[in-house]
C-alpha cells in the first residue's frame, strides 16, 4: 500500500542556526577580530591586484589574466562566509534563512571548484612560458584563456548544482542547529531525517575527481618544467625560471593542503578529531588563501610589485 505523498514544503525549515565553532565560545571575540582583519586584507589586497592588472596595459600576459580572475574568486569565497562568521562571533546572530544557507553553500563550494581549476590553468601557463617560450603568446591567446575560464566555471557549476539540489531536497524535520560556522554541506546534510549518504558520497567522489585530476595535471606540468629548467646550462637561468614558479607553488600549497586535510578529517576523523578542530580547519581553508594569495603574488611577482609600488 502506498504511503502518504512526500510533502517537501512541510519539512523545509524557515531558518537554520549556525553554532559557530563548538567548544571555542570563550575565544569568539578574538576570532571575530582576527577574521575581520583577514577579511579586510583579502578585500583590499585582491581589489588592488585586480585594479592594477586591469588598468596597466603592460600586464597583459595570460598569467596576469588568470591572477585577476583568481583575485575575483577569492573575494567571492571570503565574502560568502566571513561576514556571517564575524556576526556570529561578535554579536551571536546565528540565524540564517533556508534559502540564504543554500545560496551560501552553493557559492562556497563552487568558488573552491573554480579556484582549483584556475591553479591548474596557471600551472599550464608556467609550463608553456618555460618549456615553449617562443610559442607562449601564440598558444595562450585571449580566446584560449577565455575558453579555459569558461570551461572551469562550467565544470564547477555542473558539479555543484546536483549537490545543492540533493541537500536542499532532504527532509529537515528535526534539529535545525548546524554545528558549524557556515552552511557546510556535510554539516547541514547530517540534520536531515533521511539518509544523507548519497549526497555525501557524491561530494567526496566529485571533489576527489576534480582535485585529483587537477593535482595530477599540475604535477605533470611541474615535472616537465623541472626537466626543462635543469637542462639549462646557466645556474642563473635555472634560478630565474624556478623563481617565476615560486609564488604559484606557494599558493597551491596554501590551497590544497588545508583543503585536503579538512575534507578527509571530516570523513575519516569524526571520532578521533575534536569537532572544534574540524570546523576551524574548514574555516581557515576558506579564509587563509584569499588573505595570503595577494600578499604572495604581490611580493613575489616582480612586474606586479613594481606596478603596485608606483
C-alpha atoms as a PDB file:
ATOM      1  CA  UNK A   1       0.000   0.000   0.000  1.00  0.00           C
ATOM      2  CA  UNK A   2       1.330   3.415  -0.887  1.00  0.00           C
ATOM      3  CA  UNK A   3       2.169   5.818   1.914  1.00  0.00           C
ATOM      4  CA  UNK A   4       1.234   9.478   2.038  1.00  0.00           C
ATOM      5  CA  UNK A   5       2.828  11.657  -0.607  1.00  0.00           C
ATOM      6  CA  UNK A   6       6.118  13.307   0.321  1.00  0.00           C
ATOM      7  CA  UNK A   7       5.472  16.920   1.277  1.00  0.00           C
ATOM      8  CA  UNK A   8       8.812  18.697   0.963  1.00  0.00           C
ATOM      9  CA  UNK A   9       7.418  22.093   1.952  1.00  0.00           C
ATOM     10  CA  UNK A  10       6.237  20.782   5.326  1.00  0.00           C
ATOM     11  CA  UNK A  11       9.781  19.555   6.074  1.00  0.00           C
ATOM     12  CA  UNK A  12      11.621  22.672   4.906  1.00  0.00           C
ATOM     13  CA  UNK A  13      12.725  24.824   7.864  1.00  0.00           C
ATOM     14  CA  UNK A  14      12.405  28.585   7.559  1.00  0.00           C
ATOM     15  CA  UNK A  15      15.655  29.093   9.450  1.00  0.00           C
ATOM     16  CA  UNK A  16      18.850  27.311  10.395  1.00  0.00           C
ATOM     17  CA  UNK A  17      21.007  28.282  13.367  1.00  0.00           C
ATOM     18  CA  UNK A  18      24.798  28.218  12.994  1.00  0.00           C
ATOM     19  CA  UNK A  19      26.643  27.269  16.181  1.00  0.00           C
ATOM     20  CA  UNK A  20      29.966  28.812  15.156  1.00  0.00           C
ATOM     21  CA  UNK A  21      32.905  26.779  16.437  1.00  0.00           C
ATOM     22  CA  UNK A  22      31.637  24.391  19.143  1.00  0.00           C
ATOM     23  CA  UNK A  23      33.806  24.488  22.261  1.00  0.00           C
ATOM     24  CA  UNK A  24      35.581  27.752  21.442  1.00  0.00           C
ATOM     25  CA  UNK A  25      32.910  30.185  22.626  1.00  0.00           C
ATOM     26  CA  UNK A  26      35.380  31.834  25.021  1.00  0.00           C
ATOM     27  CA  UNK A  27      37.549  32.834  22.040  1.00  0.00           C
ATOM     28  CA  UNK A  28      34.767  34.262  19.871  1.00  0.00           C
ATOM     29  CA  UNK A  29      35.794  37.908  20.354  1.00  0.00           C
ATOM     30  CA  UNK A  30      39.375  37.215  19.266  1.00  0.00           C
ATOM     31  CA  UNK A  31      38.117  35.132  16.367  1.00  0.00           C
ATOM     32  CA  UNK A  32      35.846  37.993  15.258  1.00  0.00           C
ATOM     33  CA  UNK A  33      38.737  40.476  15.406  1.00  0.00           C
ATOM     34  CA  UNK A  34      41.109  38.119  13.550  1.00  0.00           C
ATOM     35  CA  UNK A  35      38.566  37.297  10.857  1.00  0.00           C
ATOM     36  CA  UNK A  36      37.711  40.972  10.378  1.00  0.00           C
ATOM     37  CA  UNK A  37      41.404  41.807   9.925  1.00  0.00           C
ATOM     38  CA  UNK A  38      41.957  38.945   7.460  1.00  0.00           C
ATOM     39  CA  UNK A  39      38.803  39.826   5.514  1.00  0.00           C
ATOM     40  CA  UNK A  40      39.913  43.444   5.231  1.00  0.00           C
ATOM     41  CA  UNK A  41      43.329  42.328   3.937  1.00  0.00           C
ATOM     42  CA  UNK A  42      41.650  39.938   1.476  1.00  0.00           C
ATOM     43  CA  UNK A  43      39.302  42.617   0.121  1.00  0.00           C
ATOM     44  CA  UNK A  44      41.958  45.326  -0.156  1.00  0.00           C
ATOM     45  CA  UNK A  45      44.701  43.031  -1.474  1.00  0.00           C
ATOM     46  CA  UNK A  46      42.636  41.270  -4.114  1.00  0.00           C
ATOM     47  CA  UNK A  47      40.901  44.500  -5.179  1.00  0.00           C
ATOM     48  CA  UNK A  48      44.286  46.169  -5.553  1.00  0.00           C
ATOM     49  CA  UNK A  49      45.602  43.324  -7.711  1.00  0.00           C
ATOM     50  CA  UNK A  50      42.505  43.409  -9.927  1.00  0.00           C
ATOM     51  CA  UNK A  51      42.695  47.195 -10.275  1.00  0.00           C
ATOM     52  CA  UNK A  52      46.409  47.228 -11.123  1.00  0.00           C
ATOM     53  CA  UNK A  53      46.101  44.439 -13.699  1.00  0.00           C
ATOM     54  CA  UNK A  54      43.016  45.946 -15.359  1.00  0.00           C
ATOM     55  CA  UNK A  55      44.426  49.470 -15.538  1.00  0.00           C
ATOM     56  CA  UNK A  56      48.031  48.702 -16.541  1.00  0.00           C
ATOM     57  CA  UNK A  57      48.356  47.944 -20.252  1.00  0.00           C
ATOM     58  CA  UNK A  58      51.769  46.286 -19.736  1.00  0.00           C
ATOM     59  CA  UNK A  59      50.239  43.490 -17.627  1.00  0.00           C
ATOM     60  CA  UNK A  60      48.559  41.621 -20.450  1.00  0.00           C
ATOM     61  CA  UNK A  61      50.294  38.257 -20.227  1.00  0.00           C
ATOM     62  CA  UNK A  62      47.994  35.261 -19.637  1.00  0.00           C
ATOM     63  CA  UNK A  63      49.433  34.800 -16.142  1.00  0.00           C
ATOM     64  CA  UNK A  64      48.049  38.181 -15.066  1.00  0.00           C
ATOM     65  CA  UNK A  65      44.678  37.419 -16.622  1.00  0.00           C
ATOM     66  CA  UNK A  66      44.379  34.235 -14.567  1.00  0.00           C
ATOM     67  CA  UNK A  67      45.633  36.081 -11.489  1.00  0.00           C
ATOM     68  CA  UNK A  68      42.913  38.711 -11.930  1.00  0.00           C
ATOM     69  CA  UNK A  69      40.220  36.008 -12.116  1.00  0.00           C
ATOM     70  CA  UNK A  70      41.743  34.263  -9.066  1.00  0.00           C
ATOM     71  CA  UNK A  71      41.548  37.524  -7.101  1.00  0.00           C
ATOM     72  CA  UNK A  72      37.851  37.890  -8.016  1.00  0.00           C
ATOM     73  CA  UNK A  73      37.123  34.291  -6.949  1.00  0.00           C
ATOM     74  CA  UNK A  74      38.966  34.861  -3.664  1.00  0.00           C
ATOM     75  CA  UNK A  75      36.757  37.876  -2.931  1.00  0.00           C
ATOM     76  CA  UNK A  76      33.625  35.815  -3.636  1.00  0.00           C
ATOM     77  CA  UNK A  77      34.841  32.921  -1.476  1.00  0.00           C
ATOM     78  CA  UNK A  78      35.738  35.112   1.503  1.00  0.00           C
ATOM     79  CA  UNK A  79      32.610  37.277   1.193  1.00  0.00           C
ATOM     80  CA  UNK A  80      30.393  34.173   1.173  1.00  0.00           C
ATOM     81  CA  UNK A  81      31.357  33.186   4.717  1.00  0.00           C
ATOM     82  CA  UNK A  82      33.356  35.772   6.674  1.00  0.00           C
ATOM     83  CA  UNK A  83      30.662  38.459   7.252  1.00  0.00           C
ATOM     84  CA  UNK A  84      28.307  35.846   8.723  1.00  0.00           C
ATOM     85  CA  UNK A  85      31.107  34.318  10.815  1.00  0.00           C
ATOM     86  CA  UNK A  86      32.003  37.722  12.260  1.00  0.00           C
ATOM     87  CA  UNK A  87      28.323  38.326  13.030  1.00  0.00           C
ATOM     88  CA  UNK A  88      28.123  35.018  14.914  1.00  0.00           C
ATOM     89  CA  UNK A  89      31.347  35.535  16.849  1.00  0.00           C
ATOM     90  CA  UNK A  90      30.791  39.203  17.708  1.00  0.00           C
ATOM     91  CA  UNK A  91      27.053  39.503  18.352  1.00  0.00           C
ATOM     92  CA  UNK A  92      25.658  35.962  18.424  1.00  0.00           C
ATOM     93  CA  UNK A  93      23.437  36.466  15.352  1.00  0.00           C
ATOM     94  CA  UNK A  94      23.453  32.825  14.315  1.00  0.00           C
ATOM     95  CA  UNK A  95      20.204  32.505  12.364  1.00  0.00           C
ATOM     96  CA  UNK A  96      20.277  32.105   8.602  1.00  0.00           C
ATOM     97  CA  UNK A  97      17.304  31.513   6.324  1.00  0.00           C
ATOM     98  CA  UNK A  98      16.899  28.287   4.390  1.00  0.00           C
ATOM     99  CA  UNK A  99      17.453  29.989   1.027  1.00  0.00           C
ATOM    100  CA  UNK A 100      20.441  32.015   2.299  1.00  0.00           C
ATOM    101  CA  UNK A 101      22.012  28.872   3.739  1.00  0.00           C
ATOM    102  CA  UNK A 102      21.890  27.007   0.438  1.00  0.00           C
ATOM    103  CA  UNK A 103      22.946  30.076  -1.525  1.00  0.00           C
ATOM    104  CA  UNK A 104      25.997  30.342   0.736  1.00  0.00           C
ATOM    105  CA  UNK A 105      26.672  26.618   0.333  1.00  0.00           C
ATOM    106  CA  UNK A 106      26.484  26.904  -3.455  1.00  0.00           C
ATOM    107  CA  UNK A 107      28.859  29.857  -3.750  1.00  0.00           C
ATOM    108  CA  UNK A 108      31.376  28.480  -1.255  1.00  0.00           C
ATOM    109  CA  UNK A 109      31.757  25.106  -2.932  1.00  0.00           C
ATOM    110  CA  UNK A 110      31.504  26.474  -6.483  1.00  0.00           C
ATOM    111  CA  UNK A 111      34.234  29.021  -5.702  1.00  0.00           C
ATOM    112  CA  UNK A 112      36.551  26.318  -4.360  1.00  0.00           C
ATOM    113  CA  UNK A 113      35.949  24.235  -7.501  1.00  0.00           C
ATOM    114  CA  UNK A 114      36.743  27.254  -9.705  1.00  0.00           C
ATOM    115  CA  UNK A 115      39.887  28.006  -7.719  1.00  0.00           C
ATOM    116  CA  UNK A 116      41.392  24.553  -8.186  1.00  0.00           C
ATOM    117  CA  UNK A 117      40.730  24.846 -11.931  1.00  0.00           C
ATOM    118  CA  UNK A 118      42.469  28.223 -12.013  1.00  0.00           C
ATOM    119  CA  UNK A 119      45.510  26.768 -10.255  1.00  0.00           C
ATOM    120  CA  UNK A 120      45.685  24.132 -12.994  1.00  0.00           C
ATOM    121  CA  UNK A 121      45.401  26.821 -15.696  1.00  0.00           C
ATOM    122  CA  UNK A 122      48.193  28.796 -14.036  1.00  0.00           C
ATOM    123  CA  UNK A 123      50.387  25.686 -13.897  1.00  0.00           C
ATOM    124  CA  UNK A 124      49.832  25.177 -17.641  1.00  0.00           C
ATOM    125  CA  UNK A 125      50.706  28.834 -18.153  1.00  0.00           C
ATOM    126  CA  UNK A 126      54.043  28.323 -16.368  1.00  0.00           C
ATOM    127  CA  UNK A 127      54.694  25.157 -18.406  1.00  0.00           C
ATOM    128  CA  UNK A 128      54.192  26.968 -21.728  1.00  0.00           C
ATOM    129  CA  UNK A 129      56.198  30.014 -20.560  1.00  0.00           C
ATOM    130  CA  UNK A 130      59.219  27.912 -19.528  1.00  0.00           C
ATOM    131  CA  UNK A 131      59.112  24.929 -21.871  1.00  0.00           C
ATOM    132  CA  UNK A 132      57.787  26.658 -25.027  1.00  0.00           C
ATOM    133  CA  UNK A 133      58.712  30.342 -24.556  1.00  0.00           C
ATOM    134  CA  UNK A 134      58.835  31.146 -28.286  1.00  0.00           C
ATOM    135  CA  UNK A 135      55.241  29.975 -28.730  1.00  0.00           C
ATOM    136  CA  UNK A 136      53.870  31.417 -25.483  1.00  0.00           C
ATOM    137  CA  UNK A 137      51.692  34.148 -26.973  1.00  0.00           C
ATOM    138  CA  UNK A 138      50.569  32.046 -29.920  1.00  0.00           C
ATOM    139  CA  UNK A 139      49.449  29.166 -27.668  1.00  0.00           C
ATOM    140  CA  UNK A 140      47.837  31.100 -24.824  1.00  0.00           C
ATOM    141  CA  UNK A 141      45.796  33.539 -26.876  1.00  0.00           C
ATOM    142  CA  UNK A 142      42.953  35.578 -25.333  1.00  0.00           C
ATOM    143  CA  UNK A 143      40.491  33.172 -26.961  1.00  0.00           C
ATOM    144  CA  UNK A 144      42.188  30.148 -25.374  1.00  0.00           C
ATOM    145  CA  UNK A 145      42.257  31.881 -21.994  1.00  0.00           C
ATOM    146  CA  UNK A 146      38.548  32.705 -22.250  1.00  0.00           C
ATOM    147  CA  UNK A 147      37.778  29.110 -23.232  1.00  0.00           C
ATOM    148  CA  UNK A 148      39.731  27.784 -20.251  1.00  0.00           C
ATOM    149  CA  UNK A 149      37.973  30.178 -17.857  1.00  0.00           C
ATOM    150  CA  UNK A 150      34.524  29.266 -19.203  1.00  0.00           C
ATOM    151  CA  UNK A 151      35.313  25.536 -19.011  1.00  0.00           C
ATOM    152  CA  UNK A 152      36.482  25.880 -15.405  1.00  0.00           C
ATOM    153  CA  UNK A 153      33.285  27.728 -14.486  1.00  0.00           C
ATOM    154  CA  UNK A 154      31.023  25.239 -16.263  1.00  0.00           C
ATOM    155  CA  UNK A 155      32.771  22.357 -14.500  1.00  0.00           C
ATOM    156  CA  UNK A 156      32.205  23.983 -11.097  1.00  0.00           C
ATOM    157  CA  UNK A 157      28.530  24.684 -11.831  1.00  0.00           C
ATOM    158  CA  UNK A 158      27.998  21.165 -13.214  1.00  0.00           C
ATOM    159  CA  UNK A 159      29.467  19.663 -10.035  1.00  0.00           C
ATOM    160  CA  UNK A 160      27.767  21.974  -7.544  1.00  0.00           C
ATOM    161  CA  UNK A 161      24.229  22.166  -8.926  1.00  0.00           C
ATOM    162  CA  UNK A 162      23.320  18.477  -8.320  1.00  0.00           C
ATOM    163  CA  UNK A 163      24.909  18.579  -4.849  1.00  0.00           C
ATOM    164  CA  UNK A 164      22.909  21.654  -3.815  1.00  0.00           C
ATOM    165  CA  UNK A 165      19.738  20.087  -5.209  1.00  0.00           C
ATOM    166  CA  UNK A 166      20.331  16.823  -3.330  1.00  0.00           C
ATOM    167  CA  UNK A 167      20.939  18.502   0.024  1.00  0.00           C
ATOM    168  CA  UNK A 168      18.206  21.152  -0.304  1.00  0.00           C
ATOM    169  CA  UNK A 169      15.609  18.468  -1.070  1.00  0.00           C
ATOM    170  CA  UNK A 170      16.359  16.414   2.034  1.00  0.00           C
ATOM    171  CA  UNK A 171      13.595  16.477   4.678  1.00  0.00           C
ATOM    172  CA  UNK A 172      14.627  18.503   7.767  1.00  0.00           C
ATOM    173  CA  UNK A 173      12.101  17.560  10.424  1.00  0.00           C
ATOM    174  CA  UNK A 174      14.417  17.515  13.467  1.00  0.00           C
ATOM    175  CA  UNK A 175      17.031  19.906  14.782  1.00  0.00           C
ATOM    176  CA  UNK A 176      17.839  22.999  12.746  1.00  0.00           C
ATOM    177  CA  UNK A 177      21.063  23.753  14.635  1.00  0.00           C
ATOM    178  CA  UNK A 178      24.092  23.418  12.328  1.00  0.00           C
ATOM    179  CA  UNK A 179      27.279  22.545  14.271  1.00  0.00           C
ATOM    180  CA  UNK A 180      29.385  24.766  12.040  1.00  0.00           C
ATOM    181  CA  UNK A 181      30.136  28.439  11.390  1.00  0.00           C
ATOM    182  CA  UNK A 182      28.803  28.372   7.808  1.00  0.00           C
ATOM    183  CA  UNK A 183      26.466  26.141   5.808  1.00  0.00           C
ATOM    184  CA  UNK A 184      28.980  23.421   5.037  1.00  0.00           C
ATOM    185  CA  UNK A 185      27.021  20.774   3.163  1.00  0.00           C
ATOM    186  CA  UNK A 186      28.010  17.769   5.306  1.00  0.00           C
ATOM    187  CA  UNK A 187      27.085  19.620   8.497  1.00  0.00           C
ATOM    188  CA  UNK A 188      23.692  20.573   7.030  1.00  0.00           C
ATOM    189  CA  UNK A 189      23.008  17.172   5.466  1.00  0.00           C
ATOM    190  CA  UNK A 190      23.514  15.310   8.735  1.00  0.00           C
ATOM    191  CA  UNK A 191      20.494  17.170  10.194  1.00  0.00           C
ATOM    192  CA  UNK A 192      18.171  15.544   7.660  1.00  0.00           C
ATOM    193  CA  UNK A 193      15.626  12.928   8.641  1.00  0.00           C
ATOM    194  CA  UNK A 194      16.521  10.916   5.527  1.00  0.00           C
ATOM    195  CA  UNK A 195      19.830   9.208   4.785  1.00  0.00           C
ATOM    196  CA  UNK A 196      22.333  11.897   3.641  1.00  0.00           C
ATOM    197  CA  UNK A 197      24.865   9.314   2.408  1.00  0.00           C
ATOM    198  CA  UNK A 198      24.116   9.776  -1.341  1.00  0.00           C
ATOM    199  CA  UNK A 199      24.932  13.497  -1.189  1.00  0.00           C
ATOM    200  CA  UNK A 200      27.989  12.867   0.977  1.00  0.00           C
ATOM    201  CA  UNK A 201      29.301  10.220  -1.418  1.00  0.00           C
ATOM    202  CA  UNK A 202      28.627  12.475  -4.400  1.00  0.00           C
ATOM    203  CA  UNK A 203      30.527  15.278  -2.700  1.00  0.00           C
ATOM    204  CA  UNK A 204      33.508  13.112  -1.752  1.00  0.00           C
ATOM    205  CA  UNK A 205      33.764  11.410  -5.146  1.00  0.00           C
ATOM    206  CA  UNK A 206      33.175  14.623  -7.093  1.00  0.00           C
ATOM    207  CA  UNK A 207      35.714  16.659  -5.151  1.00  0.00           C
ATOM    208  CA  UNK A 208      38.234  13.787  -5.270  1.00  0.00           C
ATOM    209  CA  UNK A 209      37.887  13.507  -9.052  1.00  0.00           C
ATOM    210  CA  UNK A 210      38.138  17.273  -9.619  1.00  0.00           C
ATOM    211  CA  UNK A 211      41.026  17.873  -7.218  1.00  0.00           C
ATOM    212  CA  UNK A 212      42.719  14.575  -8.083  1.00  0.00           C
ATOM    213  CA  UNK A 213      42.711  15.255 -11.823  1.00  0.00           C
ATOM    214  CA  UNK A 214      43.847  18.861 -11.322  1.00  0.00           C
ATOM    215  CA  UNK A 215      46.689  17.868  -8.999  1.00  0.00           C
ATOM    216  CA  UNK A 216      47.763  15.126 -11.423  1.00  0.00           C
ATOM    217  CA  UNK A 217      48.000  17.557 -14.347  1.00  0.00           C
ATOM    218  CA  UNK A 218      49.698  20.176 -12.166  1.00  0.00           C
ATOM    219  CA  UNK A 219      52.270  17.602 -11.047  1.00  0.00           C
ATOM    220  CA  UNK A 220      52.861  16.539 -14.664  1.00  0.00           C
ATOM    221  CA  UNK A 221      53.338  20.197 -15.657  1.00  0.00           C
ATOM    222  CA  UNK A 222      55.912  20.757 -12.940  1.00  0.00           C
ATOM    223  CA  UNK A 223      57.788  17.545 -13.756  1.00  0.00           C
ATOM    224  CA  UNK A 224      58.170  18.802 -17.331  1.00  0.00           C
ATOM    225  CA  UNK A 225      59.101  22.265 -16.027  1.00  0.00           C
ATOM    226  CA  UNK A 226      61.811  20.856 -13.756  1.00  0.00           C
ATOM    227  CA  UNK A 227      63.205  18.730 -16.583  1.00  0.00           C
ATOM    228  CA  UNK A 228      63.421  21.800 -18.794  1.00  0.00           C
ATOM    229  CA  UNK A 229      64.902  24.001 -16.058  1.00  0.00           C
ATOM    230  CA  UNK A 230      67.621  21.581 -15.017  1.00  0.00           C
ATOM    231  CA  UNK A 231      68.511  21.141 -18.669  1.00  0.00           C
ATOM    232  CA  UNK A 232      69.595  24.786 -18.794  1.00  0.00           C
ATOM    233  CA  UNK A 233      73.355  25.305 -18.717  1.00  0.00           C
ATOM    234  CA  UNK A 234      73.313  28.537 -16.698  1.00  0.00           C
ATOM    235  CA  UNK A 235      72.617  28.404 -12.952  1.00  0.00           C
ATOM    236  CA  UNK A 236      71.301  31.950 -13.163  1.00  0.00           C
ATOM    237  CA  UNK A 237      68.809  30.912 -15.838  1.00  0.00           C
ATOM    238  CA  UNK A 238      67.754  27.936 -13.733  1.00  0.00           C
ATOM    239  CA  UNK A 239      67.145  30.128 -10.696  1.00  0.00           C
ATOM    240  CA  UNK A 240      65.258  32.745 -12.711  1.00  0.00           C
ATOM    241  CA  UNK A 241      62.982  30.100 -14.236  1.00  0.00           C
ATOM    242  CA  UNK A 242      62.284  28.474 -10.861  1.00  0.00           C
ATOM    243  CA  UNK A 243      61.606  31.812  -9.177  1.00  0.00           C
ATOM    244  CA  UNK A 244      58.760  32.506 -11.625  1.00  0.00           C
ATOM    245  CA  UNK A 245      57.039  29.372 -10.288  1.00  0.00           C
ATOM    246  CA  UNK A 246      57.643  30.111  -6.599  1.00  0.00           C
ATOM    247  CA  UNK A 247      54.511  32.169  -5.971  1.00  0.00           C
ATOM    248  CA  UNK A 248      52.310  29.625  -7.768  1.00  0.00           C
ATOM    249  CA  UNK A 249      53.733  26.732  -5.731  1.00  0.00           C
ATOM    250  CA  UNK A 250      53.140  28.708  -2.520  1.00  0.00           C
ATOM    251  CA  UNK A 251      49.517  29.420  -3.424  1.00  0.00           C
ATOM    252  CA  UNK A 252      48.916  25.775  -4.373  1.00  0.00           C
ATOM    253  CA  UNK A 253      50.293  24.560  -1.038  1.00  0.00           C
ATOM    254  CA  UNK A 254      48.146  27.113   0.780  1.00  0.00           C
ATOM    255  CA  UNK A 255      45.033  25.911  -1.046  1.00  0.00           C
ATOM    256  CA  UNK A 256      45.403  22.154  -1.379  1.00  0.00           C
ATOM    257  CA  UNK A 257      46.972  21.130   1.939  1.00  0.00           C
ATOM    258  CA  UNK A 258      44.379  22.652   4.316  1.00  0.00           C
ATOM    259  CA  UNK A 259      41.586  21.694   1.927  1.00  0.00           C
ATOM    260  CA  UNK A 260      42.552  18.033   1.685  1.00  0.00           C
ATOM    261  CA  UNK A 261      43.136  17.809   5.432  1.00  0.00           C
ATOM    262  CA  UNK A 262      39.743  19.421   6.117  1.00  0.00           C
ATOM    263  CA  UNK A 263      37.788  17.138   3.755  1.00  0.00           C
ATOM    264  CA  UNK A 264      39.339  13.860   4.848  1.00  0.00           C
ATOM    265  CA  UNK A 265      39.338  14.718   8.551  1.00  0.00           C
ATOM    266  CA  UNK A 266      35.581  15.377   8.336  1.00  0.00           C
ATOM    267  CA  UNK A 267      35.142  11.965   6.712  1.00  0.00           C
ATOM    268  CA  UNK A 268      37.699   9.752   8.432  1.00  0.00           C
ATOM    269  CA  UNK A 269      38.433  11.537  11.697  1.00  0.00           C
ATOM    270  CA  UNK A 270      34.969  12.295  13.034  1.00  0.00           C
ATOM    271  CA  UNK A 271      35.505  10.198  16.168  1.00  0.00           C
ATOM    272  CA  UNK A 272      39.180  10.960  16.738  1.00  0.00           C
ATOM    273  CA  UNK A 273      39.439  14.666  15.838  1.00  0.00           C
ATOM    274  CA  UNK A 274      37.544  17.159  18.073  1.00  0.00           C
ATOM    275  CA  UNK A 275      34.629  18.900  16.377  1.00  0.00           C
ATOM    276  CA  UNK A 276      36.051  22.380  17.004  1.00  0.00           C
ATOM    277  CA  UNK A 277      39.254  21.332  15.203  1.00  0.00           C
ATOM    278  CA  UNK A 278      37.279  20.082  12.206  1.00  0.00           C
ATOM    279  CA  UNK A 279      35.267  23.320  11.995  1.00  0.00           C
ATOM    280  CA  UNK A 280      38.329  25.507  12.493  1.00  0.00           C
ATOM    281  CA  UNK A 281      40.167  23.686   9.684  1.00  0.00           C
ATOM    282  CA  UNK A 282      37.200  24.185   7.346  1.00  0.00           C
ATOM    283  CA  UNK A 283      37.034  27.894   8.249  1.00  0.00           C
ATOM    284  CA  UNK A 284      40.748  28.528   7.762  1.00  0.00           C
ATOM    285  CA  UNK A 285      40.637  26.707   4.421  1.00  0.00           C
ATOM    286  CA  UNK A 286      38.222  29.364   3.144  1.00  0.00           C
ATOM    287  CA  UNK A 287      39.857  32.391   4.786  1.00  0.00           C
ATOM    288  CA  UNK A 288      43.631  31.861   4.546  1.00  0.00           C
ATOM    289  CA  UNK A 289      44.006  31.587   0.720  1.00  0.00           C
ATOM    290  CA  UNK A 290      42.047  34.791  -0.090  1.00  0.00           C
ATOM    291  CA  UNK A 291      44.040  36.635   2.595  1.00  0.00           C
ATOM    292  CA  UNK A 292      47.517  35.427   1.676  1.00  0.00           C
ATOM    293  CA  UNK A 293      47.242  34.989  -2.112  1.00  0.00           C
ATOM    294  CA  UNK A 294      47.548  38.723  -2.889  1.00  0.00           C
ATOM    295  CA  UNK A 295      50.469  39.024  -0.479  1.00  0.00           C
ATOM    296  CA  UNK A 296      52.283  36.089  -2.081  1.00  0.00           C
ATOM    297  CA  UNK A 297      51.703  37.239  -5.661  1.00  0.00           C
ATOM    298  CA  UNK A 298      52.169  40.911  -4.885  1.00  0.00           C
ATOM    299  CA  UNK A 299      55.538  40.380  -3.223  1.00  0.00           C
ATOM    300  CA  UNK A 300      56.922  37.604  -5.426  1.00  0.00           C
ATOM    301  CA  UNK A 301      55.776  38.742  -8.869  1.00  0.00           C
ATOM    302  CA  UNK A 302      58.294  41.420  -9.843  1.00  0.00           C
ATOM    303  CA  UNK A 303      56.207  43.116 -12.548  1.00  0.00           C
ATOM    304  CA  UNK A 304      53.146  43.296 -10.313  1.00  0.00           C
ATOM    305  CA  UNK A 305      55.120  44.538  -7.299  1.00  0.00           C
ATOM    306  CA  UNK A 306      56.705  47.300  -9.367  1.00  0.00           C
ATOM    307  CA  UNK A 307      53.276  48.492 -10.575  1.00  0.00           C
ATOM    308  CA  UNK A 308      51.817  48.396  -7.048  1.00  0.00           C
ATOM    309  CA  UNK A 309      54.682  50.497  -5.702  1.00  0.00           C
ATOM    310  CA  UNK A 310      54.176  53.223  -8.319  1.00  0.00           C
END
